[in-house]
Amino acid sequence: MSDGKVKLPLDRARRIADDFASAIHPFCKRVEIAGSIRRGEAMVGDVEIVVEPSTRTVQGLFGPMQENALLSFPWHAWGRIERGGDRYKRILTAKGIAIDVFIVLPPVQFGVIHLIRTGPREFGQWLVTPRRRGGGLPSYLKVRDGAIWHGQEIIPTPTEEDVFRVLGIDYIPPSERRAFWGVIKLEDRV
């Protein structure tokens, strides 16, 4: 096994992503491929998947309760688990390919996480930086805990398109995303 630094051609990486997405889909409400695969990069260093788990009813000590369906997903069947948290898992396959799984649990919003995990990193940083500092985020908003906040309220962003709409920015396709520091002049609302 390697340390996850193996680079694959896009078509091979996409096959791994599609296979993993198909395997995890029965445990999820939503599964989306992100990262350099989604941006269409020629060479891919890891597979990034964003998921929203399904819940199922189980019998708890005090009666029925909702449980995250991913608790039953066979993570070990895909390789060695390097990180196994509730919101992020990293699996290293036998061939040294890293599969990063970002798990969207409330209050996290799927659109924010999908957009940030699609990247590239500089683009995500630009989007969550206030406009007064050269970023894309209106200064009256904050990104915290994987969600966009206006004061004490979360602004629902179930899709990337919703994130762009909230920020007042035209949708930018994944293949065209880059940092726009000082390039795009955006009007800031007070």
N, C-alpha and C. Protein backbone atom coordinates (compact mmCIF):
# COMPACT_ATOMS: atom_id res chain seq x y z
N MET A 1 0.83 -1.19 0.00
CA MET A 1 0.00 0.00 0.00
C MET A 1 0.86 1.24 0.00
N SER A 2 0.37 2.25 -0.69
CA SER A 2 1.08 3.53 -0.66
C SER A 2 0.36 4.46 0.31
N ASP A 3 0.76 5.70 0.32
CA ASP A 3 0.17 6.68 1.24
C ASP A 3 -0.95 7.48 0.60
N GLY A 4 -1.54 7.01 -0.47
CA GLY A 4 -2.63 7.72 -1.14
C GLY A 4 -2.12 8.74 -2.15
N LYS A 5 -0.85 8.73 -2.48
CA LYS A 5 -0.28 9.70 -3.41
C LYS A 5 -0.25 9.16 -4.84
N VAL A 6 -0.91 8.06 -5.08
CA VAL A 6 -0.99 7.48 -6.41
C VAL A 6 -1.85 8.41 -7.28
N LYS A 7 -1.40 8.66 -8.51
CA LYS A 7 -2.17 9.47 -9.46
C LYS A 7 -2.74 8.54 -10.52
N LEU A 8 -4.00 8.73 -10.83
CA LEU A 8 -4.68 7.91 -11.83
C LEU A 8 -5.18 8.78 -12.97
N PRO A 9 -5.27 8.22 -14.17
CA PRO A 9 -5.95 8.93 -15.25
C PRO A 9 -7.43 9.11 -14.87
N LEU A 10 -8.02 10.18 -15.36
CA LEU A 10 -9.40 10.52 -15.01
C LEU A 10 -10.37 9.36 -15.21
N ASP A 11 -10.28 8.64 -16.33
CA ASP A 11 -11.24 7.57 -16.59
C ASP A 11 -11.17 6.46 -15.55
N ARG A 12 -9.97 6.10 -15.11
CA ARG A 12 -9.83 5.06 -14.06
C ARG A 12 -10.35 5.56 -12.72
N ALA A 13 -10.03 6.80 -12.39
CA ALA A 13 -10.51 7.37 -11.13
C ALA A 13 -12.03 7.46 -11.13
N ARG A 14 -12.61 7.84 -12.27
CA ARG A 14 -14.07 7.93 -12.36
C ARG A 14 -14.71 6.57 -12.15
N ARG A 15 -14.11 5.50 -12.69
CA ARG A 15 -14.67 4.15 -12.49
C ARG A 15 -14.69 3.80 -11.00
N ILE A 16 -13.61 4.10 -10.29
CA ILE A 16 -13.56 3.82 -8.85
C ILE A 16 -14.63 4.64 -8.13
N ALA A 17 -14.74 5.91 -8.48
CA ALA A 17 -15.74 6.78 -7.86
C ALA A 17 -17.15 6.28 -8.13
N ASP A 18 -17.42 5.90 -9.38
CA ASP A 18 -18.75 5.39 -9.74
C ASP A 18 -19.06 4.09 -8.99
N ASP A 19 -18.08 3.19 -8.89
CA ASP A 19 -18.29 1.93 -8.16
C ASP A 19 -18.57 2.20 -6.68
N PHE A 20 -17.79 3.09 -6.08
CA PHE A 20 -18.00 3.40 -4.67
C PHE A 20 -19.35 4.08 -4.47
N ALA A 21 -19.68 5.03 -5.34
CA ALA A 21 -20.97 5.73 -5.24
C ALA A 21 -22.13 4.75 -5.36
N SER A 22 -22.01 3.77 -6.25
CA SER A 22 -23.07 2.75 -6.39
C SER A 22 -23.19 1.91 -5.13
N ALA A 23 -22.05 1.58 -4.52
CA ALA A 23 -22.06 0.73 -3.32
C ALA A 23 -22.66 1.47 -2.13
N ILE A 24 -22.37 2.75 -1.98
CA ILE A 24 -22.83 3.49 -0.80
C ILE A 24 -24.24 4.07 -0.98
N HIS A 25 -24.68 4.16 -2.23
CA HIS A 25 -25.98 4.78 -2.52
C HIS A 25 -27.15 4.20 -1.73
N PRO A 26 -27.27 2.88 -1.54
CA PRO A 26 -28.40 2.35 -0.77
C PRO A 26 -28.45 2.85 0.68
N PHE A 27 -27.36 3.39 1.18
CA PHE A 27 -27.28 3.87 2.56
C PHE A 27 -27.48 5.39 2.65
N CYS A 28 -27.75 6.02 1.51
CA CYS A 28 -27.75 7.48 1.46
C CYS A 28 -28.98 8.04 0.76
N LYS A 29 -29.32 9.27 1.14
CA LYS A 29 -30.34 10.04 0.42
C LYS A 29 -29.74 10.63 -0.85
N ARG A 30 -28.45 10.96 -0.75
CA ARG A 30 -27.79 11.63 -1.87
C ARG A 30 -26.30 11.30 -1.87
N VAL A 31 -25.76 11.07 -3.07
CA VAL A 31 -24.34 10.77 -3.26
C VAL A 31 -23.86 11.55 -4.48
N GLU A 32 -22.79 12.31 -4.33
CA GLU A 32 -22.24 13.08 -5.45
C GLU A 32 -20.72 12.96 -5.48
N ILE A 33 -20.17 12.83 -6.67
CA ILE A 33 -18.73 12.82 -6.86
C ILE A 33 -18.26 14.27 -6.85
N ALA A 34 -17.11 14.51 -6.24
CA ALA A 34 -16.57 15.88 -6.14
C ALA A 34 -15.11 15.87 -6.57
N GLY A 35 -14.36 16.88 -6.14
CA GLY A 35 -12.92 16.94 -6.35
C GLY A 35 -12.49 17.05 -7.80
N SER A 36 -11.25 16.60 -8.03
CA SER A 36 -10.65 16.74 -9.36
C SER A 36 -11.35 15.88 -10.41
N ILE A 37 -12.04 14.83 -9.99
CA ILE A 37 -12.82 14.04 -10.95
C ILE A 37 -13.94 14.92 -11.52
N ARG A 38 -14.65 15.59 -10.66
CA ARG A 38 -15.76 16.43 -11.10
C ARG A 38 -15.27 17.62 -11.93
N ARG A 39 -14.07 18.11 -11.62
CA ARG A 39 -13.51 19.21 -12.40
C ARG A 39 -12.95 18.74 -13.74
N GLY A 40 -12.83 17.41 -13.93
CA GLY A 40 -12.34 16.87 -15.19
C GLY A 40 -10.83 16.95 -15.35
N GLU A 41 -10.09 16.94 -14.24
CA GLU A 41 -8.62 16.97 -14.31
C GLU A 41 -8.11 15.71 -15.00
N ALA A 42 -7.05 15.83 -15.76
CA ALA A 42 -6.50 14.69 -16.50
C ALA A 42 -5.97 13.61 -15.57
N MET A 43 -5.31 14.01 -14.47
CA MET A 43 -4.76 13.07 -13.49
C MET A 43 -5.41 13.37 -12.14
N VAL A 44 -5.76 12.31 -11.42
CA VAL A 44 -6.52 12.43 -10.18
C VAL A 44 -5.74 11.80 -9.04
N GLY A 45 -5.59 12.53 -7.95
CA GLY A 45 -4.83 12.03 -6.81
C GLY A 45 -5.66 11.28 -5.78
N ASP A 46 -6.96 11.58 -5.69
CA ASP A 46 -7.83 10.86 -4.77
C ASP A 46 -9.27 10.97 -5.26
N VAL A 47 -10.11 10.11 -4.72
CA VAL A 47 -11.53 10.08 -5.06
C VAL A 47 -12.26 10.79 -3.94
N GLU A 48 -13.04 11.81 -4.27
CA GLU A 48 -13.80 12.54 -3.26
C GLU A 48 -15.29 12.36 -3.53
N ILE A 49 -15.99 11.96 -2.48
CA ILE A 49 -17.42 11.70 -2.56
C ILE A 49 -18.11 12.47 -1.43
N VAL A 50 -19.23 13.13 -1.74
CA VAL A 50 -20.03 13.81 -0.73
C VAL A 50 -21.34 13.04 -0.62
N VAL A 51 -21.71 12.70 0.63
CA VAL A 51 -22.93 11.92 0.84
C VAL A 51 -23.79 12.53 1.94
N GLU A 52 -25.09 12.34 1.76
CA GLU A 52 -26.05 12.65 2.82
C GLU A 52 -26.68 11.32 3.21
N PRO A 53 -26.41 10.84 4.42
CA PRO A 53 -26.89 9.51 4.80
C PRO A 53 -28.40 9.45 4.97
N SER A 54 -28.93 8.28 4.71
CA SER A 54 -30.33 8.01 5.04
C SER A 54 -30.39 7.70 6.53
N THR A 55 -31.59 7.74 7.04
CA THR A 55 -31.79 7.30 8.42
C THR A 55 -32.74 6.12 8.38
N ARG A 56 -32.67 5.34 9.42
CA ARG A 56 -33.59 4.21 9.54
C ARG A 56 -34.06 4.15 10.98
N THR A 57 -35.22 3.59 11.17
CA THR A 57 -35.78 3.47 12.51
C THR A 57 -35.27 2.18 13.15
N VAL A 58 -34.72 2.33 14.35
CA VAL A 58 -34.25 1.18 15.12
C VAL A 58 -34.88 1.25 16.51
N GLN A 59 -34.90 0.13 17.19
CA GLN A 59 -35.45 0.10 18.54
C GLN A 59 -34.38 0.54 19.53
N GLY A 60 -34.61 1.64 20.20
CA GLY A 60 -33.70 2.14 21.21
C GLY A 60 -34.17 1.72 22.59
N LEU A 61 -33.42 2.08 23.60
CA LEU A 61 -33.75 1.74 24.98
C LEU A 61 -35.12 2.27 25.38
N PHE A 62 -35.48 3.45 24.88
CA PHE A 62 -36.75 4.07 25.24
C PHE A 62 -37.75 4.09 24.10
N GLY A 63 -37.56 3.22 23.13
CA GLY A 63 -38.49 3.14 22.01
C GLY A 63 -37.80 3.38 20.69
N PRO A 64 -38.57 3.51 19.61
CA PRO A 64 -38.00 3.71 18.28
C PRO A 64 -37.18 5.00 18.20
N MET A 65 -36.08 4.94 17.45
CA MET A 65 -35.25 6.12 17.24
C MET A 65 -34.65 6.06 15.84
N GLN A 66 -34.19 7.21 15.37
CA GLN A 66 -33.58 7.28 14.04
C GLN A 66 -32.08 7.05 14.16
N GLU A 67 -31.54 6.25 13.23
CA GLU A 67 -30.11 5.93 13.22
C GLU A 67 -29.56 6.20 11.82
N ASN A 68 -28.32 6.68 11.75
CA ASN A 68 -27.62 6.93 10.51
C ASN A 68 -27.39 5.59 9.79
N ALA A 69 -27.90 5.46 8.58
CA ALA A 69 -27.79 4.19 7.83
C ALA A 69 -26.34 3.84 7.51
N LEU A 70 -25.44 4.84 7.47
CA LEU A 70 -24.04 4.56 7.16
C LEU A 70 -23.37 3.71 8.23
N LEU A 71 -23.99 3.58 9.39
CA LEU A 71 -23.42 2.72 10.42
C LEU A 71 -23.32 1.27 9.94
N SER A 72 -24.13 0.91 8.96
CA SER A 72 -24.11 -0.46 8.42
C SER A 72 -23.29 -0.61 7.14
N PHE A 73 -22.73 0.48 6.64
CA PHE A 73 -21.97 0.39 5.39
C PHE A 73 -20.65 -0.36 5.64
N PRO A 74 -20.28 -1.29 4.76
CA PRO A 74 -19.05 -2.08 4.95
C PRO A 74 -17.79 -1.32 4.53
N TRP A 75 -17.40 -0.32 5.30
CA TRP A 75 -16.24 0.52 4.99
C TRP A 75 -14.99 -0.31 4.75
N HIS A 76 -14.75 -1.32 5.60
CA HIS A 76 -13.52 -2.13 5.51
C HIS A 76 -13.42 -2.92 4.21
N ALA A 77 -14.55 -3.17 3.57
CA ALA A 77 -14.52 -3.90 2.30
C ALA A 77 -13.82 -3.09 1.20
N TRP A 78 -13.68 -1.78 1.40
CA TRP A 78 -13.07 -0.91 0.40
C TRP A 78 -11.60 -0.66 0.66
N GLY A 79 -11.11 -1.04 1.85
CA GLY A 79 -9.69 -0.85 2.16
C GLY A 79 -9.48 -0.52 3.61
N ARG A 80 -8.30 0.01 3.89
CA ARG A 80 -7.93 0.36 5.26
C ARG A 80 -8.49 1.73 5.59
N ILE A 81 -9.19 1.83 6.71
CA ILE A 81 -9.76 3.10 7.13
C ILE A 81 -8.67 3.90 7.83
N GLU A 82 -8.29 5.02 7.22
CA GLU A 82 -7.27 5.89 7.80
C GLU A 82 -7.87 6.93 8.73
N ARG A 83 -9.07 7.39 8.40
CA ARG A 83 -9.80 8.32 9.25
C ARG A 83 -11.24 7.85 9.30
N GLY A 84 -11.79 7.79 10.48
CA GLY A 84 -13.12 7.21 10.61
C GLY A 84 -14.10 8.02 11.41
N GLY A 85 -14.12 9.33 11.22
CA GLY A 85 -15.03 10.19 11.97
C GLY A 85 -16.46 10.13 11.47
N ASP A 86 -17.34 10.85 12.17
CA ASP A 86 -18.76 10.90 11.82
C ASP A 86 -19.02 11.69 10.55
N ARG A 87 -18.14 12.67 10.24
CA ARG A 87 -18.37 13.56 9.10
C ARG A 87 -17.35 13.38 7.97
N TYR A 88 -16.28 12.66 8.26
CA TYR A 88 -15.24 12.46 7.25
C TYR A 88 -14.60 11.09 7.44
N LYS A 89 -14.50 10.35 6.34
CA LYS A 89 -13.83 9.07 6.36
C LYS A 89 -12.84 9.04 5.20
N ARG A 90 -11.68 8.46 5.46
CA ARG A 90 -10.67 8.29 4.41
C ARG A 90 -10.31 6.83 4.38
N ILE A 91 -10.48 6.24 3.20
CA ILE A 91 -10.18 4.83 2.99
C ILE A 91 -9.03 4.74 2.01
N LEU A 92 -8.05 3.93 2.33
CA LEU A 92 -6.94 3.69 1.42
C LEU A 92 -7.13 2.29 0.84
N THR A 93 -7.36 2.23 -0.47
CA THR A 93 -7.61 0.94 -1.12
C THR A 93 -6.32 0.13 -1.19
N ALA A 94 -6.45 -1.14 -1.50
CA ALA A 94 -5.29 -2.02 -1.62
C ALA A 94 -4.33 -1.54 -2.71
N LYS A 95 -4.83 -0.81 -3.69
CA LYS A 95 -3.97 -0.29 -4.77
C LYS A 95 -3.42 1.09 -4.44
N GLY A 96 -3.66 1.56 -3.21
CA GLY A 96 -3.10 2.83 -2.79
C GLY A 96 -3.90 4.06 -3.17
N ILE A 97 -5.14 3.87 -3.61
CA ILE A 97 -5.99 4.99 -3.99
C ILE A 97 -6.78 5.43 -2.75
N ALA A 98 -6.75 6.71 -2.45
CA ALA A 98 -7.50 7.24 -1.31
C ALA A 98 -8.92 7.59 -1.75
N ILE A 99 -9.89 7.17 -0.95
CA ILE A 99 -11.28 7.55 -1.15
C ILE A 99 -11.66 8.40 0.07
N ASP A 100 -11.95 9.68 -0.18
CA ASP A 100 -12.35 10.60 0.88
C ASP A 100 -13.87 10.76 0.81
N VAL A 101 -14.53 10.48 1.94
CA VAL A 101 -15.99 10.56 1.99
C VAL A 101 -16.36 11.66 2.98
N PHE A 102 -17.08 12.66 2.49
CA PHE A 102 -17.53 13.79 3.30
C PHE A 102 -19.02 13.59 3.57
N ILE A 103 -19.35 13.45 4.84
CA ILE A 103 -20.70 13.08 5.26
C ILE A 103 -21.43 14.33 5.75
N VAL A 104 -22.52 14.66 5.08
CA VAL A 104 -23.30 15.85 5.39
C VAL A 104 -24.35 15.51 6.44
N LEU A 105 -24.14 16.06 7.64
CA LEU A 105 -25.08 15.91 8.74
C LEU A 105 -25.48 17.32 9.20
N PRO A 106 -26.75 17.53 9.58
CA PRO A 106 -27.17 18.87 10.00
C PRO A 106 -26.27 19.40 11.12
N PRO A 107 -25.99 20.72 11.10
CA PRO A 107 -26.59 21.77 10.28
C PRO A 107 -25.89 21.96 8.94
N VAL A 108 -24.96 21.11 8.61
CA VAL A 108 -24.22 21.23 7.35
C VAL A 108 -25.19 21.21 6.18
N GLN A 109 -24.88 22.00 5.15
CA GLN A 109 -25.70 22.07 3.95
C GLN A 109 -24.97 21.40 2.79
N PHE A 110 -25.65 20.52 2.08
CA PHE A 110 -25.04 19.73 1.02
C PHE A 110 -24.38 20.61 -0.04
N GLY A 111 -25.06 21.68 -0.47
CA GLY A 111 -24.53 22.53 -1.53
C GLY A 111 -23.19 23.14 -1.16
N VAL A 112 -23.05 23.60 0.08
CA VAL A 112 -21.80 24.22 0.53
C VAL A 112 -20.67 23.19 0.49
N ILE A 113 -20.91 22.02 1.05
CA ILE A 113 -19.86 21.00 1.12
C ILE A 113 -19.52 20.49 -0.27
N HIS A 114 -20.50 20.25 -1.12
CA HIS A 114 -20.24 19.77 -2.48
C HIS A 114 -19.39 20.78 -3.25
N LEU A 115 -19.72 22.06 -3.10
CA LEU A 115 -18.97 23.10 -3.79
C LEU A 115 -17.53 23.17 -3.27
N ILE A 116 -17.37 23.21 -1.96
CA ILE A 116 -16.02 23.31 -1.38
C ILE A 116 -15.20 22.07 -1.70
N ARG A 117 -15.79 20.89 -1.62
CA ARG A 117 -15.05 19.64 -1.87
C ARG A 117 -14.78 19.45 -3.36
N THR A 118 -15.53 20.10 -4.23
CA THR A 118 -15.22 20.04 -5.65
C THR A 118 -13.95 20.83 -5.93
N GLY A 119 -13.77 21.93 -5.19
CA GLY A 119 -12.54 22.70 -5.31
C GLY A 119 -12.43 23.45 -6.62
N PRO A 120 -11.19 23.82 -6.95
CA PRO A 120 -9.97 23.58 -6.21
C PRO A 120 -9.94 24.39 -4.90
N ARG A 121 -8.99 24.06 -4.04
CA ARG A 121 -8.90 24.65 -2.70
C ARG A 121 -8.98 26.18 -2.76
N GLU A 122 -8.24 26.79 -3.68
CA GLU A 122 -8.20 28.25 -3.76
C GLU A 122 -9.58 28.83 -4.08
N PHE A 123 -10.36 28.11 -4.88
CA PHE A 123 -11.71 28.58 -5.22
C PHE A 123 -12.59 28.55 -3.97
N GLY A 124 -12.54 27.46 -3.22
CA GLY A 124 -13.32 27.37 -1.99
C GLY A 124 -12.93 28.44 -0.98
N GLN A 125 -11.63 28.68 -0.86
CA GLN A 125 -11.17 29.73 0.05
C GLN A 125 -11.69 31.10 -0.39
N TRP A 126 -11.65 31.35 -1.70
CA TRP A 126 -12.16 32.61 -2.21
C TRP A 126 -13.64 32.78 -1.88
N LEU A 127 -14.44 31.71 -2.07
CA LEU A 127 -15.87 31.81 -1.84
C LEU A 127 -16.23 32.08 -0.38
N VAL A 128 -15.47 31.57 0.56
CA VAL A 128 -15.82 31.74 1.98
C VAL A 128 -15.12 32.94 2.61
N THR A 129 -14.35 33.69 1.82
CA THR A 129 -13.68 34.90 2.31
C THR A 129 -14.59 36.09 2.02
N PRO A 130 -14.79 36.97 3.04
CA PRO A 130 -15.65 38.15 2.81
C PRO A 130 -15.13 39.04 1.68
N ARG A 131 -16.05 39.66 0.99
CA ARG A 131 -15.71 40.53 -0.15
C ARG A 131 -14.81 41.68 0.27
N ARG A 132 -14.99 42.16 1.48
CA ARG A 132 -14.14 43.28 1.92
C ARG A 132 -12.67 42.87 2.00
N ARG A 133 -12.42 41.54 1.97
CA ARG A 133 -11.05 41.03 1.96
C ARG A 133 -10.69 40.43 0.60
N GLY A 134 -11.51 40.70 -0.43
CA GLY A 134 -11.21 40.24 -1.78
C GLY A 134 -11.85 38.92 -2.15
N GLY A 135 -12.70 38.37 -1.29
CA GLY A 135 -13.34 37.09 -1.57
C GLY A 135 -14.69 37.23 -2.25
N GLY A 136 -15.44 36.14 -2.28
CA GLY A 136 -16.74 36.12 -2.94
C GLY A 136 -17.92 36.17 -2.00
N LEU A 137 -17.70 36.10 -0.68
CA LEU A 137 -18.78 36.04 0.30
C LEU A 137 -19.24 37.44 0.69
N PRO A 138 -20.54 37.75 0.50
CA PRO A 138 -21.03 39.04 0.98
C PRO A 138 -20.69 39.19 2.47
N SER A 139 -20.32 40.39 2.87
CA SER A 139 -19.81 40.60 4.23
C SER A 139 -20.87 40.41 5.31
N TYR A 140 -22.15 40.42 4.96
CA TYR A 140 -23.19 40.21 5.96
C TYR A 140 -23.46 38.72 6.21
N LEU A 141 -22.77 37.84 5.47
CA LEU A 141 -22.92 36.39 5.64
C LEU A 141 -21.65 35.80 6.24
N LYS A 142 -21.79 34.60 6.82
CA LYS A 142 -20.64 33.85 7.33
C LYS A 142 -20.82 32.40 6.91
N VAL A 143 -19.70 31.72 6.69
CA VAL A 143 -19.74 30.27 6.48
C VAL A 143 -19.17 29.65 7.75
N ARG A 144 -19.99 28.84 8.41
CA ARG A 144 -19.60 28.21 9.66
C ARG A 144 -20.28 26.85 9.74
N ASP A 145 -19.56 25.85 10.21
CA ASP A 145 -20.12 24.51 10.38
C ASP A 145 -20.71 23.96 9.09
N GLY A 146 -20.11 24.29 7.94
CA GLY A 146 -20.56 23.75 6.67
C GLY A 146 -21.85 24.36 6.16
N ALA A 147 -22.20 25.53 6.66
CA ALA A 147 -23.44 26.19 6.24
C ALA A 147 -23.18 27.68 6.09
N ILE A 148 -24.06 28.34 5.31
CA ILE A 148 -24.02 29.79 5.18
C ILE A 148 -25.02 30.36 6.18
N TRP A 149 -24.54 31.30 6.98
CA TRP A 149 -25.35 31.90 8.03
C TRP A 149 -25.59 33.37 7.75
N HIS A 150 -26.81 33.81 8.03
CA HIS A 150 -27.14 35.23 8.05
C HIS A 150 -27.58 35.50 9.48
N GLY A 151 -26.70 36.10 10.25
CA GLY A 151 -26.96 36.26 11.68
C GLY A 151 -27.00 34.90 12.35
N GLN A 152 -28.13 34.60 13.00
CA GLN A 152 -28.29 33.32 13.70
C GLN A 152 -29.05 32.28 12.88
N GLU A 153 -29.34 32.61 11.62
CA GLU A 153 -30.12 31.70 10.77
C GLU A 153 -29.28 31.09 9.66
N ILE A 154 -29.50 29.80 9.44
CA ILE A 154 -28.87 29.11 8.32
C ILE A 154 -29.69 29.40 7.06
N ILE A 155 -28.99 29.72 5.99
CA ILE A 155 -29.65 29.89 4.70
C ILE A 155 -29.59 28.54 4.00
N PRO A 156 -30.73 27.93 3.72
CA PRO A 156 -30.72 26.60 3.07
C PRO A 156 -30.01 26.64 1.72
N THR A 157 -29.07 25.72 1.54
CA THR A 157 -28.34 25.60 0.27
C THR A 157 -28.17 24.11 -0.06
N PRO A 158 -29.26 23.46 -0.47
CA PRO A 158 -29.17 22.03 -0.77
C PRO A 158 -28.37 21.72 -2.04
N THR A 159 -28.16 22.73 -2.91
CA THR A 159 -27.40 22.51 -4.14
C THR A 159 -26.33 23.59 -4.28
N GLU A 160 -25.36 23.31 -5.13
CA GLU A 160 -24.35 24.32 -5.45
C GLU A 160 -24.98 25.56 -6.07
N GLU A 161 -25.97 25.35 -6.92
CA GLU A 161 -26.64 26.47 -7.57
C GLU A 161 -27.22 27.40 -6.51
N ASP A 162 -27.75 26.82 -5.42
CA ASP A 162 -28.28 27.64 -4.33
C ASP A 162 -27.19 28.47 -3.68
N VAL A 163 -26.00 27.90 -3.52
CA VAL A 163 -24.88 28.64 -2.93
C VAL A 163 -24.54 29.84 -3.81
N PHE A 164 -24.39 29.62 -5.10
CA PHE A 164 -24.07 30.73 -6.02
C PHE A 164 -25.16 31.80 -5.97
N ARG A 165 -26.43 31.36 -5.93
CA ARG A 165 -27.55 32.32 -5.88
C ARG A 165 -27.47 33.16 -4.61
N VAL A 166 -27.25 32.53 -3.46
CA VAL A 166 -27.15 33.24 -2.19
C VAL A 166 -26.00 34.24 -2.21
N LEU A 167 -24.89 33.87 -2.85
CA LEU A 167 -23.73 34.75 -2.91
C LEU A 167 -23.87 35.83 -3.99
N GLY A 168 -24.89 35.71 -4.84
CA GLY A 168 -25.09 36.69 -5.91
C GLY A 168 -24.07 36.57 -7.01
N ILE A 169 -23.63 35.33 -7.27
CA ILE A 169 -22.61 35.07 -8.28
C ILE A 169 -23.21 34.13 -9.32
N ASP A 170 -22.96 34.39 -10.60
CA ASP A 170 -23.40 33.46 -11.64
C ASP A 170 -22.72 32.11 -11.43
N TYR A 171 -23.44 31.04 -11.73
CA TYR A 171 -22.90 29.69 -11.57
C TYR A 171 -21.61 29.54 -12.39
N ILE A 172 -20.61 28.96 -11.77
CA ILE A 172 -19.34 28.70 -12.44
C ILE A 172 -19.16 27.19 -12.54
N PRO A 173 -19.10 26.63 -13.74
CA PRO A 173 -18.94 25.19 -13.89
C PRO A 173 -17.65 24.70 -13.22
N PRO A 174 -17.66 23.47 -12.69
CA PRO A 174 -16.48 22.95 -11.99
C PRO A 174 -15.18 23.07 -12.78
N SER A 175 -15.22 22.84 -14.08
CA SER A 175 -13.99 22.88 -14.88
C SER A 175 -13.41 24.29 -15.01
N GLU A 176 -14.20 25.31 -14.68
CA GLU A 176 -13.74 26.69 -14.81
C GLU A 176 -13.43 27.35 -13.47
N ARG A 177 -13.48 26.58 -12.40
CA ARG A 177 -13.30 27.17 -11.08
C ARG A 177 -11.83 27.38 -10.76
N ARG A 178 -11.56 28.57 -10.28
CA ARG A 178 -10.22 28.94 -9.83
C ARG A 178 -10.41 30.09 -8.85
N ALA A 179 -9.35 30.51 -8.20
CA ALA A 179 -9.44 31.65 -7.30
C ALA A 179 -9.57 32.93 -8.11
N PHE A 180 -10.43 33.82 -7.67
CA PHE A 180 -10.68 35.06 -8.38
C PHE A 180 -10.23 36.26 -7.57
N TRP A 181 -9.23 36.10 -6.72
CA TRP A 181 -8.78 37.19 -5.86
C TRP A 181 -8.52 38.44 -6.71
N GLY A 182 -9.30 39.47 -6.44
CA GLY A 182 -9.08 40.75 -7.10
C GLY A 182 -9.41 40.78 -8.58
N VAL A 183 -9.94 39.69 -9.13
CA VAL A 183 -10.24 39.65 -10.56
C VAL A 183 -11.68 40.05 -10.84
N ILE A 184 -12.60 39.51 -10.05
CA ILE A 184 -14.02 39.82 -10.24
C ILE A 184 -14.41 40.90 -9.24
N LYS A 185 -15.03 41.96 -9.74
CA LYS A 185 -15.52 43.01 -8.85
C LYS A 185 -16.96 42.65 -8.51
N LEU A 186 -17.20 42.40 -7.24
CA LEU A 186 -18.53 42.05 -6.79
C LEU A 186 -19.06 43.16 -5.90
N GLU A 187 -20.32 43.52 -6.14
CA GLU A 187 -20.94 44.54 -5.30
C GLU A 187 -21.26 43.90 -3.96
N ASP A 188 -20.85 44.53 -2.89
CA ASP A 188 -21.13 44.00 -1.55
C ASP A 188 -22.36 44.71 -0.99
N ARG A 189 -23.22 43.89 -0.38
CA ARG A 189 -24.40 44.45 0.28
C ARG A 189 -24.07 44.64 1.76
N VAL A 190 -24.58 45.68 2.35
CA VAL A 190 -24.30 45.97 3.76
C VAL A 190 -25.13 45.11 4.66
